[in-house]
PDB file of all heavy atoms in Angstrom:
ATOM      1  N   GLY A   1     -49.599 -56.248  69.125  1.00  0.00           N
ATOM      2  CA  GLY A   1     -50.848 -56.580  69.793  1.00  0.00           C
ATOM      3  C   GLY A   1     -51.946 -57.030  68.889  1.00  0.00           C
ATOM      4  O   GLY A   1     -52.854 -57.722  69.279  1.00  0.00           O
ATOM      5  N   GLU A   2     -51.879 -56.586  67.618  1.00  0.00           N
ATOM      6  CA  GLU A   2     -52.964 -56.927  66.655  1.00  0.00           C
ATOM      7  C   GLU A   2     -52.545 -58.095  65.752  1.00  0.00           C
ATOM      8  O   GLU A   2     -53.257 -58.407  64.797  1.00  0.00           O
ATOM      9  CB  GLU A   2     -53.291 -55.717  65.805  1.00  0.00           C
ATOM     10  CG  GLU A   2     -53.879 -54.561  66.619  1.00  0.00           C
ATOM     11  CD  GLU A   2     -54.125 -53.347  65.766  1.00  0.00           C
ATOM     12  OE1 GLU A   2     -53.774 -53.391  64.555  1.00  0.00           O
ATOM     13  OE2 GLU A   2     -54.664 -52.345  66.269  1.00  0.00           O
ATOM     14  N   SER A   3     -51.375 -58.686  66.023  1.00  0.00           N
ATOM     15  CA  SER A   3     -50.905 -59.807  65.210  1.00  0.00           C
ATOM     16  C   SER A   3     -51.848 -61.016  65.310  1.00  0.00           C
ATOM     17  O   SER A   3     -52.542 -61.207  66.318  1.00  0.00           O
ATOM     18  CB  SER A   3     -49.513 -60.218  65.594  1.00  0.00           C
ATOM     19  OG  SER A   3     -49.512 -60.663  66.965  1.00  0.00           O
ATOM     20  N   GLY A   4     -51.875 -61.817  64.255  1.00  0.00           N
ATOM     21  CA  GLY A   4     -52.715 -62.961  64.229  1.00  0.00           C
ATOM     22  C   GLY A   4     -52.148 -64.090  65.094  1.00  0.00           C
ATOM     23  O   GLY A   4     -51.031 -63.997  65.615  1.00  0.00           O
ATOM     24  N   TYR A   5     -52.966 -65.093  65.274  1.00  0.00           N
ATOM     25  CA  TYR A   5     -52.544 -66.203  66.180  1.00  0.00           C
ATOM     26  C   TYR A   5     -51.214 -66.834  65.746  1.00  0.00           C
ATOM     27  O   TYR A   5     -50.379 -67.122  66.593  1.00  0.00           O
ATOM     28  CB  TYR A   5     -53.645 -67.297  66.216  1.00  0.00           C
ATOM     29  CG  TYR A   5     -53.188 -68.569  66.851  1.00  0.00           C
ATOM     30  CD1 TYR A   5     -53.106 -68.684  68.244  1.00  0.00           C
ATOM     31  CD2 TYR A   5     -52.753 -69.675  66.087  1.00  0.00           C
ATOM     32  CE1 TYR A   5     -52.649 -69.852  68.857  1.00  0.00           C
ATOM     33  CE2 TYR A   5     -52.322 -70.834  66.684  1.00  0.00           C
ATOM     34  CZ  TYR A   5     -52.245 -70.923  68.069  1.00  0.00           C
ATOM     35  OH  TYR A   5     -51.784 -72.060  68.629  1.00  0.00           O
ATOM     36  N   TYR A   6     -51.047 -67.060  64.507  1.00  0.00           N
ATOM     37  CA  TYR A   6     -49.856 -67.797  64.025  1.00  0.00           C
ATOM     38  C   TYR A   6     -48.599 -67.043  64.345  1.00  0.00           C
ATOM     39  O   TYR A   6     -47.642 -67.631  64.907  1.00  0.00           O
ATOM     40  CB  TYR A   6     -49.965 -68.072  62.510  1.00  0.00           C
ATOM     41  CG  TYR A   6     -49.030 -69.151  62.030  1.00  0.00           C
ATOM     42  CD1 TYR A   6     -49.325 -70.482  62.248  1.00  0.00           C
ATOM     43  CD2 TYR A   6     -47.838 -68.859  61.360  1.00  0.00           C
ATOM     44  CE1 TYR A   6     -48.479 -71.498  61.776  1.00  0.00           C
ATOM     45  CE2 TYR A   6     -47.007 -69.847  60.905  1.00  0.00           C
ATOM     46  CZ  TYR A   6     -47.313 -71.187  61.133  1.00  0.00           C
ATOM     47  OH  TYR A   6     -46.468 -72.160  60.689  1.00  0.00           O
ATOM     48  N   LEU A   7     -48.559 -65.800  64.021  1.00  0.00           N
ATOM     49  CA  LEU A   7     -47.376 -64.990  64.304  1.00  0.00           C
ATOM     50  C   LEU A   7     -47.165 -64.804  65.798  1.00  0.00           C
ATOM     51  O   LEU A   7     -46.033 -64.942  66.327  1.00  0.00           O
ATOM     52  CB  LEU A   7     -47.510 -63.604  63.625  1.00  0.00           C
ATOM     53  CG  LEU A   7     -46.391 -62.576  63.870  1.00  0.00           C
ATOM     54  CD1 LEU A   7     -45.019 -63.173  63.476  1.00  0.00           C
ATOM     55  CD2 LEU A   7     -46.687 -61.297  63.089  1.00  0.00           C
ATOM     56  N   ARG A   8     -48.251 -64.534  66.511  1.00  0.00           N
ATOM     57  CA  ARG A   8     -48.123 -64.335  67.970  1.00  0.00           C
ATOM     58  C   ARG A   8     -47.686 -65.569  68.690  1.00  0.00           C
ATOM     59  O   ARG A   8     -46.792 -65.530  69.533  1.00  0.00           O
ATOM     60  CB  ARG A   8     -49.494 -63.861  68.521  1.00  0.00           C
ATOM     61  CG  ARG A   8     -49.470 -63.537  70.026  1.00  0.00           C
ATOM     62  CD  ARG A   8     -50.758 -62.876  70.455  1.00  0.00           C
ATOM     63  NE  ARG A   8     -51.912 -63.737  70.326  1.00  0.00           N
ATOM     64  CZ  ARG A   8     -52.851 -63.595  69.393  1.00  0.00           C
ATOM     65  NH1 ARG A   8     -52.756 -62.625  68.468  1.00  0.00           N
ATOM     66  NH2 ARG A   8     -53.913 -64.422  69.326  1.00  0.00           N
ATOM     67  N   SER A   9     -48.244 -66.718  68.344  1.00  0.00           N
ATOM     68  CA  SER A   9     -47.844 -67.954  68.992  1.00  0.00           C
ATOM     69  C   SER A   9     -46.440 -68.388  68.590  1.00  0.00           C
ATOM     70  O   SER A   9     -45.744 -69.055  69.355  1.00  0.00           O
ATOM     71  CB  SER A   9     -48.841 -69.061  68.697  1.00  0.00           C
ATOM     72  OG  SER A   9     -48.945 -69.334  67.298  1.00  0.00           O
ATOM     73  N   PHE A  10     -46.009 -68.034  67.380  1.00  0.00           N
ATOM     74  CA  PHE A  10     -44.651 -68.322  66.949  1.00  0.00           C
ATOM     75  C   PHE A  10     -43.650 -67.550  67.826  1.00  0.00           C
ATOM     76  O   PHE A  10     -42.687 -68.108  68.350  1.00  0.00           O
ATOM     77  CB  PHE A  10     -44.490 -67.926  65.493  1.00  0.00           C
ATOM     78  CG  PHE A  10     -43.492 -68.733  64.707  1.00  0.00           C
ATOM     79  CD1 PHE A  10     -43.730 -69.107  63.373  1.00  0.00           C
ATOM     80  CD2 PHE A  10     -42.263 -69.149  65.296  1.00  0.00           C
ATOM     81  CE1 PHE A  10     -42.792 -69.875  62.658  1.00  0.00           C
ATOM     82  CE2 PHE A  10     -41.352 -69.921  64.563  1.00  0.00           C
ATOM     83  CZ  PHE A  10     -41.603 -70.265  63.267  1.00  0.00           C
ATOM     84  N   ALA A  11     -43.899 -66.245  67.980  1.00  0.00           N
ATOM     85  CA  ALA A  11     -43.022 -65.431  68.836  1.00  0.00           C
ATOM     86  C   ALA A  11     -43.047 -65.969  70.251  1.00  0.00           C
ATOM     87  O   ALA A  11     -41.974 -65.999  70.914  1.00  0.00           O
ATOM     88  CB  ALA A  11     -43.515 -63.983  68.778  1.00  0.00           C
ATOM     89  N   TYR A  12     -44.193 -66.354  70.746  1.00  0.00           N
ATOM     90  CA  TYR A  12     -44.322 -66.878  72.106  1.00  0.00           C
ATOM     91  C   TYR A  12     -43.488 -68.149  72.280  1.00  0.00           C
ATOM     92  O   TYR A  12     -42.767 -68.288  73.281  1.00  0.00           O
ATOM     93  CB  TYR A  12     -45.790 -67.169  72.383  1.00  0.00           C
ATOM     94  CG  TYR A  12     -46.049 -67.923  73.676  1.00  0.00           C
ATOM     95  CD1 TYR A  12     -45.985 -67.263  74.871  1.00  0.00           C
ATOM     96  CD2 TYR A  12     -46.427 -69.265  73.638  1.00  0.00           C
ATOM     97  CE1 TYR A  12     -46.253 -67.941  76.074  1.00  0.00           C
ATOM     98  CE2 TYR A  12     -46.700 -69.962  74.813  1.00  0.00           C
ATOM     99  CZ  TYR A  12     -46.618 -69.282  76.035  1.00  0.00           C
ATOM    100  OH  TYR A  12     -46.879 -69.964  77.189  1.00  0.00           O
ATOM    101  N   ARG A  13     -43.505 -69.031  71.311  1.00  0.00           N
ATOM    102  CA  ARG A  13     -42.757 -70.280  71.444  1.00  0.00           C
ATOM    103  C   ARG A  13     -41.242 -70.045  71.420  1.00  0.00           C
ATOM    104  O   ARG A  13     -40.491 -70.710  72.110  1.00  0.00           O
ATOM    105  CB  ARG A  13     -43.181 -71.250  70.349  1.00  0.00           C
ATOM    106  CG  ARG A  13     -44.615 -71.714  70.488  1.00  0.00           C
ATOM    107  CD  ARG A  13     -45.021 -72.712  69.391  1.00  0.00           C
ATOM    108  NE  ARG A  13     -46.509 -72.932  69.439  1.00  0.00           N
ATOM    109  CZ  ARG A  13     -47.098 -73.976  68.911  1.00  0.00           C
ATOM    110  NH1 ARG A  13     -46.384 -74.947  68.331  1.00  0.00           N
ATOM    111  NH2 ARG A  13     -48.400 -74.130  68.979  1.00  0.00           N
ATOM    112  N   ILE A  14     -40.822 -69.093  70.600  1.00  0.00           N
ATOM    113  CA  ILE A  14     -39.394 -68.741  70.585  1.00  0.00           C
ATOM    114  C   ILE A  14     -38.944 -68.253  71.935  1.00  0.00           C
ATOM    115  O   ILE A  14     -37.938 -68.690  72.497  1.00  0.00           O
ATOM    116  CB  ILE A  14     -39.119 -67.663  69.503  1.00  0.00           C
ATOM    117  CG1 ILE A  14     -39.327 -68.267  68.106  1.00  0.00           C
ATOM    118  CG2 ILE A  14     -37.718 -67.088  69.642  1.00  0.00           C
ATOM    119  CD1 ILE A  14     -39.281 -67.239  67.007  1.00  0.00           C
ATOM    120  N   LEU A  15     -39.685 -67.285  72.504  1.00  0.00           N
ATOM    121  CA  LEU A  15     -39.308 -66.674  73.743  1.00  0.00           C
ATOM    122  C   LEU A  15     -39.403 -67.675  74.911  1.00  0.00           C
ATOM    123  O   LEU A  15     -38.581 -67.640  75.848  1.00  0.00           O
ATOM    124  CB  LEU A  15     -40.151 -65.445  74.011  1.00  0.00           C
ATOM    125  CG  LEU A  15     -39.958 -64.288  73.039  1.00  0.00           C
ATOM    126  CD1 LEU A  15     -40.923 -63.168  73.338  1.00  0.00           C
ATOM    127  CD2 LEU A  15     -38.520 -63.793  73.059  1.00  0.00           C
ATOM    128  N   CYS A  16     -40.377 -68.585  74.857  1.00  0.00           N
ATOM    129  CA  CYS A  16     -40.461 -69.593  75.911  1.00  0.00           C
ATOM    130  C   CYS A  16     -39.255 -70.516  75.901  1.00  0.00           C
ATOM    131  O   CYS A  16     -38.696 -70.846  77.013  1.00  0.00           O
ATOM    132  CB  CYS A  16     -41.726 -70.438  75.731  1.00  0.00           C
ATOM    133  SG  CYS A  16     -43.249 -69.633  76.293  1.00  0.00           S
ATOM    134  N   LEU A  17     -38.792 -70.927  74.735  1.00  0.00           N
ATOM    135  CA  LEU A  17     -37.614 -71.777  74.659  1.00  0.00           C
ATOM    136  C   LEU A  17     -36.393 -71.041  75.180  1.00  0.00           C
ATOM    137  O   LEU A  17     -35.602 -71.603  75.969  1.00  0.00           O
ATOM    138  CB  LEU A  17     -37.406 -72.257  73.237  1.00  0.00           C
ATOM    139  CG  LEU A  17     -36.110 -73.073  73.040  1.00  0.00           C
ATOM    140  CD1 LEU A  17     -36.196 -74.393  73.765  1.00  0.00           C
ATOM    141  CD2 LEU A  17     -35.768 -73.303  71.591  1.00  0.00           C
ATOM    142  N   VAL A  18     -36.186 -69.820  74.716  1.00  0.00           N
ATOM    143  CA  VAL A  18     -35.005 -69.082  75.142  1.00  0.00           C
ATOM    144  C   VAL A  18     -35.079 -68.839  76.670  1.00  0.00           C
ATOM    145  O   VAL A  18     -34.032 -68.952  77.351  1.00  0.00           O
ATOM    146  CB  VAL A  18     -34.899 -67.739  74.385  1.00  0.00           C
ATOM    147  CG1 VAL A  18     -33.758 -66.887  74.930  1.00  0.00           C
ATOM    148  CG2 VAL A  18     -34.705 -67.970  72.883  1.00  0.00           C
ATOM    149  N   ALA A  19     -36.235 -68.517  77.164  1.00  0.00           N
ATOM    150  CA  ALA A  19     -36.387 -68.323  78.627  1.00  0.00           C
ATOM    151  C   ALA A  19     -36.011 -69.575  79.393  1.00  0.00           C
ATOM    152  O   ALA A  19     -35.326 -69.507  80.408  1.00  0.00           O
ATOM    153  CB  ALA A  19     -37.828 -67.892  78.956  1.00  0.00           C
ATOM    154  N   THR A  20     -36.407 -70.758  78.889  1.00  0.00           N
ATOM    155  CA  THR A  20     -36.089 -71.979  79.567  1.00  0.00           C
ATOM    156  C   THR A  20     -34.591 -72.285  79.512  1.00  0.00           C
ATOM    157  O   THR A  20     -34.007 -72.736  80.524  1.00  0.00           O
ATOM    158  CB  THR A  20     -36.886 -73.145  78.959  1.00  0.00           C
ATOM    159  OG1 THR A  20     -38.292 -72.816  78.985  1.00  0.00           O
ATOM    160  CG2 THR A  20     -36.692 -74.415  79.735  1.00  0.00           C
ATOM    161  N   CYS A  21     -34.010 -72.072  78.364  1.00  0.00           N
ATOM    162  CA  CYS A  21     -32.550 -72.291  78.273  1.00  0.00           C
ATOM    163  C   CYS A  21     -31.807 -71.398  79.222  1.00  0.00           C
ATOM    164  O   CYS A  21     -30.787 -71.795  79.857  1.00  0.00           O
ATOM    165  CB  CYS A  21     -32.068 -72.001  76.825  1.00  0.00           C
ATOM    166  SG  CYS A  21     -32.611 -73.205  75.590  1.00  0.00           S
ATOM    167  N   ARG A  22     -32.261 -70.190  79.377  1.00  0.00           N
ATOM    168  CA  ARG A  22     -31.602 -69.238  80.302  1.00  0.00           C
ATOM    169  C   ARG A  22     -31.812 -69.670  81.748  1.00  0.00           C
ATOM    170  O   ARG A  22     -30.895 -69.520  82.595  1.00  0.00           O
ATOM    171  CB  ARG A  22     -32.128 -67.829  80.069  1.00  0.00           C
ATOM    172  CG  ARG A  22     -31.447 -67.190  78.845  1.00  0.00           C
ATOM    173  CD  ARG A  22     -31.927 -65.741  78.663  1.00  0.00           C
ATOM    174  NE  ARG A  22     -31.851 -64.928  79.842  1.00  0.00           N
ATOM    175  CZ  ARG A  22     -30.716 -64.429  80.367  1.00  0.00           C
ATOM    176  NH1 ARG A  22     -29.542 -64.693  79.790  1.00  0.00           N
ATOM    177  NH2 ARG A  22     -30.740 -63.658  81.453  1.00  0.00           N
ATOM    178  N   LEU A  23     -32.960 -70.193  82.065  1.00  0.00           N
ATOM    179  CA  LEU A  23     -33.183 -70.722  83.407  1.00  0.00           C
ATOM    180  C   LEU A  23     -32.180 -71.792  83.760  1.00  0.00           C
ATOM    181  O   LEU A  23     -31.606 -71.846  84.849  1.00  0.00           O
ATOM    182  CB  LEU A  23     -34.609 -71.283  83.533  1.00  0.00           C
ATOM    183  CG  LEU A  23     -35.763 -70.262  83.692  1.00  0.00           C
ATOM    184  CD1 LEU A  23     -37.085 -70.984  83.574  1.00  0.00           C
ATOM    185  CD2 LEU A  23     -35.684 -69.615  85.072  1.00  0.00           C
ATOM    186  N   ILE A  24     -31.980 -72.708  82.798  1.00  0.00           N
ATOM    187  CA  ILE A  24     -31.015 -73.785  83.017  1.00  0.00           C
ATOM    188  C   ILE A  24     -29.602 -73.258  83.113  1.00  0.00           C
ATOM    189  O   ILE A  24     -28.803 -73.705  83.958  1.00  0.00           O
ATOM    190  CB  ILE A  24     -31.154 -74.842  81.919  1.00  0.00           C
ATOM    191  CG1 ILE A  24     -32.544 -75.526  81.987  1.00  0.00           C
ATOM    192  CG2 ILE A  24     -30.069 -75.894  81.989  1.00  0.00           C
ATOM    193  CD1 ILE A  24     -32.883 -76.392  80.804  1.00  0.00           C
ATOM    194  N   GLU A  25     -29.236 -72.308  82.257  1.00  0.00           N
ATOM    195  CA  GLU A  25     -27.916 -71.718  82.327  1.00  0.00           C
ATOM    196  C   GLU A  25     -27.677 -71.060  83.685  1.00  0.00           C
ATOM    197  O   GLU A  25     -26.591 -71.213  84.265  1.00  0.00           O
ATOM    198  CB  GLU A  25     -27.802 -70.622  81.242  1.00  0.00           C
ATOM    199  CG  GLU A  25     -27.357 -71.101  79.899  1.00  0.00           C
ATOM    200  CD  GLU A  25     -26.958 -69.985  79.004  1.00  0.00           C
ATOM    201  OE1 GLU A  25     -27.601 -68.884  79.064  1.00  0.00           O
ATOM    202  OE2 GLU A  25     -26.034 -70.155  78.201  1.00  0.00           O
ATOM    203  N   ARG A  26     -28.658 -70.376  84.214  1.00  0.00           N
ATOM    204  CA  ARG A  26     -28.478 -69.707  85.522  1.00  0.00           C
ATOM    205  C   ARG A  26     -28.324 -70.694  86.639  1.00  0.00           C
ATOM    206  O   ARG A  26     -27.590 -70.433  87.617  1.00  0.00           O
ATOM    207  CB  ARG A  26     -29.690 -68.753  85.761  1.00  0.00           C
ATOM    208  CG  ARG A  26     -29.615 -67.478  84.944  1.00  0.00           C
ATOM    209  CD  ARG A  26     -30.517 -66.413  85.517  1.00  0.00           C
ATOM    210  NE  ARG A  26     -31.907 -66.746  85.478  1.00  0.00           N
ATOM    211  CZ  ARG A  26     -32.718 -66.512  84.431  1.00  0.00           C
ATOM    212  NH1 ARG A  26     -32.222 -65.936  83.360  1.00  0.00           N
ATOM    213  NH2 ARG A  26     -33.986 -66.855  84.488  1.00  0.00           N
ATOM    214  N   GLN A  27     -29.013 -71.821  86.542  1.00  0.00           N
ATOM    215  CA  GLN A  27     -28.840 -72.851  87.590  1.00  0.00           C
ATOM    216  C   GLN A  27     -27.399 -73.327  87.663  1.00  0.00           C
ATOM    217  O   GLN A  27     -26.878 -73.612  88.763  1.00  0.00           O
ATOM    218  CB  GLN A  27     -29.765 -74.034  87.312  1.00  0.00           C
ATOM    219  CG  GLN A  27     -31.244 -73.724  87.436  1.00  0.00           C
ATOM    220  CD  GLN A  27     -31.587 -73.198  88.842  1.00  0.00           C
ATOM    221  OE1 GLN A  27     -31.188 -73.810  89.857  1.00  0.00           O
ATOM    222  NE2 GLN A  27     -32.312 -72.109  88.883  1.00  0.00           N
ATOM    223  N   ALA A  28     -26.738 -73.406  86.550  1.00  0.00           N
ATOM    224  CA  ALA A  28     -25.327 -73.873  86.529  1.00  0.00           C
ATOM    225  C   ALA A  28     -24.369 -72.849  87.146  1.00  0.00           C
ATOM    226  O   ALA A  28     -23.275 -73.209  87.554  1.00  0.00           O
ATOM    227  CB  ALA A  28     -24.902 -74.106  85.096  1.00  0.00           C
ATOM    228  N   LEU A  29     -24.827 -71.611  87.323  1.00  0.00           N
ATOM    229  CA  LEU A  29     -23.981 -70.592  87.924  1.00  0.00           C
ATOM    230  C   LEU A  29     -23.753 -70.857  89.401  1.00  0.00           C
ATOM    231  O   LEU A  29     -22.767 -70.411  90.012  1.00  0.00           O
ATOM    232  CB  LEU A  29     -24.576 -69.208  87.723  1.00  0.00           C
ATOM    233  CG  LEU A  29     -24.664 -68.684  86.291  1.00  0.00           C
ATOM    234  CD1 LEU A  29     -25.386 -67.319  86.307  1.00  0.00           C
ATOM    235  CD2 LEU A  29     -23.294 -68.566  85.657  1.00  0.00           C
ATOM    236  N   TYR A  30     -24.669 -71.582  90.041  1.00  0.00           N
ATOM    237  CA  TYR A  30     -24.592 -71.780  91.485  1.00  0.00           C
ATOM    238  C   TYR A  30     -23.784 -73.006  91.892  1.00  0.00           C
ATOM    239  O   TYR A  30     -23.661 -73.310  93.063  1.00  0.00           O
ATOM    240  CB  TYR A  30     -26.047 -71.886  92.035  1.00  0.00           C
ATOM    241  CG  TYR A  30     -26.839 -70.620  91.817  1.00  0.00           C
ATOM    242  CD1 TYR A  30     -27.801 -70.595  90.829  1.00  0.00           C
ATOM    243  CD2 TYR A  30     -26.631 -69.488  92.559  1.00  0.00           C
ATOM    244  CE1 TYR A  30     -28.537 -69.459  90.571  1.00  0.00           C
ATOM    245  CE2 TYR A  30     -27.353 -68.335  92.334  1.00  0.00           C
ATOM    246  CZ  TYR A  30     -28.307 -68.327  91.341  1.00  0.00           C
ATOM    247  OH  TYR A  30     -29.035 -67.170  91.120  1.00  0.00           O
TER     248      TYR A  30
END
């Protein structure tokens, strides 16, 4: 919670990409 912008936004970008890849993967299940 106290991390600086660079570290926080880096983690955010990683998780956003992984979340999007998983969204696409789940669509293929149907």
